[in-house]
């Protein structure tokens, strides 16, 4: 598994709810990990939970939850 994929899955797995959240910047740009999380979602390792508006105009956050397949990938 590629290091950044393992890092993101591990980050989600360490939380009690198995969630990982990213915050969108007020200029509406997402951090680089957003595309990596979307790729993990496409592979079935994460489940997209949705977006929530942020406190600042243009800001938002997106959340994913690790799946059983994602946990198995960490162990393999």
PDB file of N, CA and C in Angstrom:
ATOM      1  N   UNK A   1       0.845  -1.169   0.000  1.00  0.00           N
ATOM      2  CA  UNK A   1       0.000   0.000   0.000  1.00  0.00           C
ATOM      3  C   UNK A   1       0.897   1.241   0.000  1.00  0.00           C
ATOM      4  N   UNK A   2       0.508   2.243  -0.745  1.00  0.00           N
ATOM      5  CA  UNK A   2       1.257   3.486  -0.838  1.00  0.00           C
ATOM      6  C   UNK A   2       1.205   4.196   0.513  1.00  0.00           C
ATOM      7  N   UNK A   3       2.322   4.836   0.891  1.00  0.00           N
ATOM      8  CA  UNK A   3       2.438   5.454   2.217  1.00  0.00           C
ATOM      9  C   UNK A   3       1.319   6.432   2.548  1.00  0.00           C
ATOM     10  N   UNK A   4       0.950   7.314   1.594  1.00  0.00           N
ATOM     11  CA  UNK A   4      -0.087   8.297   1.933  1.00  0.00           C
ATOM     12  C   UNK A   4      -1.444   7.629   2.133  1.00  0.00           C
ATOM     13  N   UNK A   5      -1.700   6.536   1.425  1.00  0.00           N
ATOM     14  CA  UNK A   5      -2.962   5.813   1.618  1.00  0.00           C
ATOM     15  C   UNK A   5      -2.976   5.166   3.002  1.00  0.00           C
ATOM     16  N   UNK A   6      -1.872   4.550   3.383  1.00  0.00           N
ATOM     17  CA  UNK A   6      -1.770   3.928   4.708  1.00  0.00           C
ATOM     18  C   UNK A   6      -1.889   4.989   5.805  1.00  0.00           C
ATOM     19  N   UNK A   7      -1.265   6.145   5.597  1.00  0.00           N
ATOM     20  CA  UNK A   7      -1.316   7.226   6.579  1.00  0.00           C
ATOM     21  C   UNK A   7      -2.761   7.683   6.798  1.00  0.00           C
ATOM     22  N   UNK A   8      -3.505   7.865   5.726  1.00  0.00           N
ATOM     23  CA  UNK A   8      -4.886   8.338   5.844  1.00  0.00           C
ATOM     24  C   UNK A   8      -5.797   7.283   6.461  1.00  0.00           C
ATOM     25  N   UNK A   9      -5.638   6.037   6.054  1.00  0.00           N
ATOM     26  CA  UNK A   9      -6.449   4.965   6.647  1.00  0.00           C
ATOM     27  C   UNK A   9      -6.121   4.800   8.126  1.00  0.00           C
ATOM     28  N   UNK A  10      -4.844   4.885   8.470  1.00  0.00           N
ATOM     29  CA  UNK A  10      -4.439   4.761   9.873  1.00  0.00           C
ATOM     30  C   UNK A  10      -5.020   5.897  10.699  1.00  0.00           C
ATOM     31  N   UNK A  11      -5.012   7.089  10.139  1.00  0.00           N
ATOM     32  CA  UNK A  11      -5.567   8.249  10.835  1.00  0.00           C
ATOM     33  C   UNK A  11      -7.054   8.041  11.131  1.00  0.00           C
ATOM     34  N   UNK A  12      -7.776   7.506  10.163  1.00  0.00           N
ATOM     35  CA  UNK A  12      -9.202   7.233  10.374  1.00  0.00           C
ATOM     36  C   UNK A  12      -9.397   6.104  11.382  1.00  0.00           C
ATOM     37  N   UNK A  13      -8.585   5.063  11.279  1.00  0.00           N
ATOM     38  CA  UNK A  13      -8.743   3.897  12.147  1.00  0.00           C
ATOM     39  C   UNK A  13      -8.459   4.223  13.614  1.00  0.00           C
ATOM     40  N   UNK A  14      -7.654   5.234  13.869  1.00  0.00           N
ATOM     41  CA  UNK A  14      -7.295   5.582  15.246  1.00  0.00           C
ATOM     42  C   UNK A  14      -8.411   6.285  16.007  1.00  0.00           C
ATOM     43  N   UNK A  15      -9.383   6.833  15.305  1.00  0.00           N
ATOM     44  CA  UNK A  15     -10.472   7.528  15.991  1.00  0.00           C
ATOM     45  C   UNK A  15     -11.524   6.526  16.458  1.00  0.00           C
ATOM     46  N   UNK A  16     -12.239   6.882  17.485  1.00  0.00           N
ATOM     47  CA  UNK A  16     -13.261   5.986  18.034  1.00  0.00           C
ATOM     48  C   UNK A  16     -14.349   5.689  17.006  1.00  0.00           C
ATOM     49  N   UNK A  17     -14.694   6.677  16.181  1.00  0.00           N
ATOM     50  CA  UNK A  17     -15.757   6.506  15.192  1.00  0.00           C
ATOM     51  C   UNK A  17     -15.231   6.052  13.835  1.00  0.00           C
ATOM     52  N   UNK A  18     -13.906   5.964  13.687  1.00  0.00           N
ATOM     53  CA  UNK A  18     -13.333   5.566  12.405  1.00  0.00           C
ATOM     54  C   UNK A  18     -13.467   6.635  11.338  1.00  0.00           C
ATOM     55  N   UNK A  19     -13.526   7.900  11.764  1.00  0.00           N
ATOM     56  CA  UNK A  19     -13.773   9.007  10.826  1.00  0.00           C
ATOM     57  C   UNK A  19     -12.513   9.815  10.565  1.00  0.00           C
ATOM     58  N   UNK A  20     -12.496  10.405   9.382  1.00  0.00           N
ATOM     59  CA  UNK A  20     -11.465  11.358   9.020  1.00  0.00           C
ATOM     60  C   UNK A  20     -12.164  12.532   8.340  1.00  0.00           C
ATOM     61  N   UNK A  21     -11.763  13.743   8.707  1.00  0.00           N
ATOM     62  CA  UNK A  21     -12.409  14.951   8.210  1.00  0.00           C
ATOM     63  C   UNK A  21     -11.360  15.907   7.660  1.00  0.00           C
ATOM     64  N   UNK A  22     -11.701  16.556   6.556  1.00  0.00           N
ATOM     65  CA  UNK A  22     -10.847  17.598   5.972  1.00  0.00           C
ATOM     66  C   UNK A  22     -11.631  18.894   5.890  1.00  0.00           C
ATOM     67  N   UNK A  23     -10.932  19.985   6.080  1.00  0.00           N
ATOM     68  CA  UNK A  23     -11.555  21.297   5.995  1.00  0.00           C
ATOM     69  C   UNK A  23     -11.171  21.980   4.685  1.00  0.00           C
ATOM     70  N   UNK A  24     -12.183  22.480   3.979  1.00  0.00           N
ATOM     71  CA  UNK A  24     -11.951  23.248   2.754  1.00  0.00           C
ATOM     72  C   UNK A  24     -11.610  24.679   3.140  1.00  0.00           C
ATOM     73  N   UNK A  25     -10.701  25.265   2.404  1.00  0.00           N
ATOM     74  CA  UNK A  25     -10.274  26.633   2.668  1.00  0.00           C
ATOM     75  C   UNK A  25     -11.341  27.630   2.230  1.00  0.00           C
ATOM     76  N   UNK A  26     -11.339  28.831   2.807  1.00  0.00           N
ATOM     77  CA  UNK A  26     -12.308  29.853   2.395  1.00  0.00           C
ATOM     78  C   UNK A  26     -12.236  30.204   0.900  1.00  0.00           C
ATOM     79  N   UNK A  27     -11.075  29.969   0.266  1.00  0.00           N
ATOM     80  CA  UNK A  27     -10.975  30.231  -1.179  1.00  0.00           C
ATOM     81  C   UNK A  27     -11.526  29.069  -2.002  1.00  0.00           C
ATOM     82  N   UNK A  28     -12.180  28.126  -1.327  1.00  0.00           N
ATOM     83  CA  UNK A  28     -12.846  26.960  -1.919  1.00  0.00           C
ATOM     84  C   UNK A  28     -11.895  25.881  -2.427  1.00  0.00           C
ATOM     85  N   UNK A  29     -10.633  25.924  -2.033  1.00  0.00           N
ATOM     86  CA  UNK A  29      -9.694  24.877  -2.438  1.00  0.00           C
ATOM     87  C   UNK A  29      -9.621  23.811  -1.336  1.00  0.00           C
ATOM     88  N   UNK A  30      -9.452  22.569  -1.771  1.00  0.00           N
ATOM     89  CA  UNK A  30      -9.303  21.453  -0.840  1.00  0.00           C
ATOM     90  C   UNK A  30      -7.823  21.138  -0.687  1.00  0.00           C
ATOM     91  N   UNK A  31      -7.411  20.659   0.485  1.00  0.00           N
ATOM     92  CA  UNK A  31      -6.031  20.192   0.645  1.00  0.00           C
ATOM     93  C   UNK A  31      -5.780  18.993  -0.268  1.00  0.00           C
ATOM     94  N   UNK A  32      -4.510  18.700  -0.527  1.00  0.00           N
ATOM     95  CA  UNK A  32      -4.148  17.594  -1.410  1.00  0.00           C
ATOM     96  C   UNK A  32      -4.700  16.244  -0.994  1.00  0.00           C
ATOM     97  N   UNK A  33      -4.898  16.050   0.317  1.00  0.00           N
ATOM     98  CA  UNK A  33      -5.414  14.760   0.782  1.00  0.00           C
ATOM     99  C   UNK A  33      -6.854  14.510   0.340  1.00  0.00           C
ATOM    100  N   UNK A  34      -7.574  15.537  -0.076  1.00  0.00           N
ATOM    101  CA  UNK A  34      -8.962  15.352  -0.507  1.00  0.00           C
ATOM    102  C   UNK A  34      -9.037  14.361  -1.670  1.00  0.00           C
ATOM    103  N   UNK A  35      -8.196  14.527  -2.669  1.00  0.00           N
ATOM    104  CA  UNK A  35      -8.226  13.607  -3.817  1.00  0.00           C
ATOM    105  C   UNK A  35      -7.792  12.206  -3.407  1.00  0.00           C
ATOM    106  N   UNK A  36      -6.888  12.108  -2.457  1.00  0.00           N
ATOM    107  CA  UNK A  36      -6.457  10.791  -1.969  1.00  0.00           C
ATOM    108  C   UNK A  36      -7.589  10.097  -1.217  1.00  0.00           C
ATOM    109  N   UNK A  37      -8.332  10.860  -0.412  1.00  0.00           N
ATOM    110  CA  UNK A  37      -9.473  10.291   0.301  1.00  0.00           C
ATOM    111  C   UNK A  37     -10.565   9.852  -0.675  1.00  0.00           C
ATOM    112  N   UNK A  38     -10.776  10.629  -1.728  1.00  0.00           N
ATOM    113  CA  UNK A  38     -11.747  10.237  -2.755  1.00  0.00           C
ATOM    114  C   UNK A  38     -11.320   8.941  -3.442  1.00  0.00           C
ATOM    115  N   UNK A  39     -10.025   8.784  -3.683  1.00  0.00           N
ATOM    116  CA  UNK A  39      -9.527   7.543  -4.293  1.00  0.00           C
ATOM    117  C   UNK A  39      -9.741   6.359  -3.356  1.00  0.00           C
ATOM    118  N   UNK A  40      -9.503   6.551  -2.065  1.00  0.00           N
ATOM    119  CA  UNK A  40      -9.755   5.483  -1.095  1.00  0.00           C
ATOM    120  C   UNK A  40     -11.242   5.148  -1.021  1.00  0.00           C
ATOM    121  N   UNK A  41     -12.077   6.147  -1.184  1.00  0.00           N
ATOM    122  CA  UNK A  41     -13.528   5.913  -1.242  1.00  0.00           C
ATOM    123  C   UNK A  41     -13.877   5.077  -2.472  1.00  0.00           C
ATOM    124  N   UNK A  42     -13.310   5.427  -3.611  1.00  0.00           N
ATOM    125  CA  UNK A  42     -13.579   4.680  -4.848  1.00  0.00           C
ATOM    126  C   UNK A  42     -13.133   3.229  -4.741  1.00  0.00           C
ATOM    127  N   UNK A  43     -12.082   2.974  -3.962  1.00  0.00           N
ATOM    128  CA  UNK A  43     -11.588   1.608  -3.775  1.00  0.00           C
ATOM    129  C   UNK A  43     -12.368   0.829  -2.721  1.00  0.00           C
ATOM    130  N   UNK A  44     -13.304   1.500  -2.037  1.00  0.00           N
ATOM    131  CA  UNK A  44     -14.107   0.828  -1.017  1.00  0.00           C
ATOM    132  C   UNK A  44     -13.488   0.839   0.367  1.00  0.00           C
ATOM    133  N   UNK A  45     -12.374   1.553   0.542  1.00  0.00           N
ATOM    134  CA  UNK A  45     -11.719   1.606   1.850  1.00  0.00           C
ATOM    135  C   UNK A  45     -12.340   2.639   2.777  1.00  0.00           C
ATOM    136  N   UNK A  46     -13.008   3.621   2.204  1.00  0.00           N
ATOM    137  CA  UNK A  46     -13.686   4.653   2.984  1.00  0.00           C
ATOM    138  C   UNK A  46     -15.102   4.833   2.466  1.00  0.00           C
ATOM    139  N   UNK A  47     -15.978   5.293   3.343  1.00  0.00           N
ATOM    140  CA  UNK A  47     -17.356   5.635   2.988  1.00  0.00           C
ATOM    141  C   UNK A  47     -17.522   7.131   3.171  1.00  0.00           C
ATOM    142  N   UNK A  48     -17.958   7.831   2.123  1.00  0.00           N
ATOM    143  CA  UNK A  48     -18.148   9.278   2.201  1.00  0.00           C
ATOM    144  C   UNK A  48     -19.394   9.571   3.025  1.00  0.00           C
ATOM    145  N   UNK A  49     -19.247  10.418   4.038  1.00  0.00           N
ATOM    146  CA  UNK A  49     -20.356  10.761   4.925  1.00  0.00           C
ATOM    147  C   UNK A  49     -21.024  12.072   4.551  1.00  0.00           C
ATOM    148  N   UNK A  50     -20.343  12.909   3.770  1.00  0.00           N
ATOM    149  CA  UNK A  50     -20.938  14.150   3.321  1.00  0.00           C
ATOM    150  C   UNK A  50     -20.103  15.367   3.658  1.00  0.00           C
ATOM    151  N   UNK A  51     -20.638  16.509   3.263  1.00  0.00           N
ATOM    152  CA  UNK A  51     -20.001  17.800   3.516  1.00  0.00           C
ATOM    153  C   UNK A  51     -20.885  18.631   4.437  1.00  0.00           C
ATOM    154  N   UNK A  52     -20.231  19.446   5.235  1.00  0.00           N
ATOM    155  CA  UNK A  52     -20.915  20.377   6.125  1.00  0.00           C
ATOM    156  C   UNK A  52     -20.370  21.774   5.850  1.00  0.00           C
ATOM    157  N   UNK A  53     -21.228  22.789   5.828  1.00  0.00           N
ATOM    158  CA  UNK A  53     -20.721  24.151   5.649  1.00  0.00           C
ATOM    159  C   UNK A  53     -19.855  24.552   6.840  1.00  0.00           C
ATOM    160  N   UNK A  54     -18.856  25.361   6.552  1.00  0.00           N
ATOM    161  CA  UNK A  54     -17.964  25.834   7.606  1.00  0.00           C
ATOM    162  C   UNK A  54     -18.414  27.161   8.173  1.00  0.00           C
ATOM    163  N   UNK A  55     -17.713  27.627   9.201  1.00  0.00           N
ATOM    164  CA  UNK A  55     -18.101  28.884   9.845  1.00  0.00           C
ATOM    165  C   UNK A  55     -17.778  30.119   8.992  1.00  0.00           C
ATOM    166  N   UNK A  56     -16.829  29.994   8.080  1.00  0.00           N
ATOM    167  CA  UNK A  56     -16.451  31.114   7.225  1.00  0.00           C
ATOM    168  C   UNK A  56     -17.088  30.979   5.853  1.00  0.00           C
ATOM    169  N   UNK A  57     -17.371  32.069   5.182  1.00  0.00           N
ATOM    170  CA  UNK A  57     -17.929  31.986   3.824  1.00  0.00           C
ATOM    171  C   UNK A  57     -17.001  31.189   2.896  1.00  0.00           C
ATOM    172  N   UNK A  58     -17.571  30.236   2.195  1.00  0.00           N
ATOM    173  CA  UNK A  58     -16.798  29.401   1.277  1.00  0.00           C
ATOM    174  C   UNK A  58     -16.135  28.218   1.938  1.00  0.00           C
ATOM    175  N   UNK A  59     -16.104  28.206   3.258  1.00  0.00           N
ATOM    176  CA  UNK A  59     -15.486  27.095   3.979  1.00  0.00           C
ATOM    177  C   UNK A  59     -16.435  25.916   4.106  1.00  0.00           C
ATOM    178  N   UNK A  60     -15.881  24.752   4.240  1.00  0.00           N
ATOM    179  CA  UNK A  60     -16.678  23.534   4.420  1.00  0.00           C
ATOM    180  C   UNK A  60     -15.768  22.454   4.971  1.00  0.00           C
ATOM    181  N   UNK A  61     -16.362  21.363   5.405  1.00  0.00           N
ATOM    182  CA  UNK A  61     -15.593  20.188   5.793  1.00  0.00           C
ATOM    183  C   UNK A  61     -16.259  18.968   5.175  1.00  0.00           C
ATOM    184  N   UNK A  62     -15.447  17.999   4.861  1.00  0.00           N
ATOM    185  CA  UNK A  62     -15.924  16.735   4.298  1.00  0.00           C
ATOM    186  C   UNK A  62     -15.464  15.611   5.219  1.00  0.00           C
ATOM    187  N   UNK A  63     -16.299  14.587   5.381  1.00  0.00           N
ATOM    188  CA  UNK A  63     -15.981  13.499   6.301  1.00  0.00           C
ATOM    189  C   UNK A  63     -16.145  12.145   5.615  1.00  0.00           C
ATOM    190  N   UNK A  64     -15.287  11.203   5.997  1.00  0.00           N
ATOM    191  CA  UNK A  64     -15.328   9.821   5.535  1.00  0.00           C
ATOM    192  C   UNK A  64     -15.203   8.921   6.758  1.00  0.00           C
ATOM    193  N   UNK A  65     -15.677   7.689   6.631  1.00  0.00           N
ATOM    194  CA  UNK A  65     -15.528   6.674   7.680  1.00  0.00           C
ATOM    195  C   UNK A  65     -14.847   5.463   7.066  1.00  0.00           C
ATOM    196  N   UNK A  66     -13.915   4.881   7.798  1.00  0.00           N
ATOM    197  CA  UNK A  66     -13.208   3.702   7.306  1.00  0.00           C
ATOM    198  C   UNK A  66     -14.163   2.514   7.258  1.00  0.00           C
ATOM    199  N   UNK A  67     -14.043   1.690   6.245  1.00  0.00           N
ATOM    200  CA  UNK A  67     -14.873   0.504   6.084  1.00  0.00           C
ATOM    201  C   UNK A  67     -14.136  -0.731   6.571  1.00  0.00           C
ATOM    202  N   UNK A  68     -14.828  -1.851   6.645  1.00  0.00           N
ATOM    203  CA  UNK A  68     -14.180  -3.109   7.014  1.00  0.00           C
ATOM    204  C   UNK A  68     -13.082  -3.441   6.006  1.00  0.00           C
ATOM    205  N   UNK A  69     -13.309  -3.141   4.743  1.00  0.00           N
ATOM    206  CA  UNK A  69     -12.300  -3.383   3.720  1.00  0.00           C
ATOM    207  C   UNK A  69     -11.064  -2.513   3.973  1.00  0.00           C
ATOM    208  N   UNK A  70     -11.275  -1.283   4.405  1.00  0.00           N
ATOM    209  CA  UNK A  70     -10.157  -0.396   4.727  1.00  0.00           C
ATOM    210  C   UNK A  70      -9.363  -0.892   5.914  1.00  0.00           C
ATOM    211  N   UNK A  71     -10.052  -1.386   6.919  1.00  0.00           N
ATOM    212  CA  UNK A  71      -9.348  -1.948   8.099  1.00  0.00           C
ATOM    213  C   UNK A  71      -8.557  -3.187   7.713  1.00  0.00           C
ATOM    214  N   UNK A  72      -9.125  -4.007   6.846  1.00  0.00           N
ATOM    215  CA  UNK A  72      -8.424  -5.215   6.393  1.00  0.00           C
ATOM    216  C   UNK A  72      -7.168  -4.845   5.590  1.00  0.00           C
ATOM    217  N   UNK A  73      -7.256  -3.778   4.805  1.00  0.00           N
ATOM    218  CA  UNK A  73      -6.100  -3.342   4.015  1.00  0.00           C
ATOM    219  C   UNK A  73      -4.961  -2.898   4.923  1.00  0.00           C
ATOM    220  N   UNK A  74      -5.278  -2.316   6.062  1.00  0.00           N
ATOM    221  CA  UNK A  74      -4.245  -1.894   7.009  1.00  0.00           C
ATOM    222  C   UNK A  74      -3.534  -3.092   7.626  1.00  0.00           C
ATOM    223  N   UNK A  75      -4.256  -4.168   7.814  1.00  0.00           N
ATOM    224  CA  UNK A  75      -3.684  -5.353   8.437  1.00  0.00           C
ATOM    225  C   UNK A  75      -2.898  -6.212   7.453  1.00  0.00           C
ATOM    226  N   UNK A  76      -3.193  -6.028   6.166  1.00  0.00           N
ATOM    227  CA  UNK A  76      -2.545  -6.874   5.142  1.00  0.00           C
ATOM    228  C   UNK A  76      -1.234  -6.394   4.654  1.00  0.00           C
TER     229      UNK A  76
END
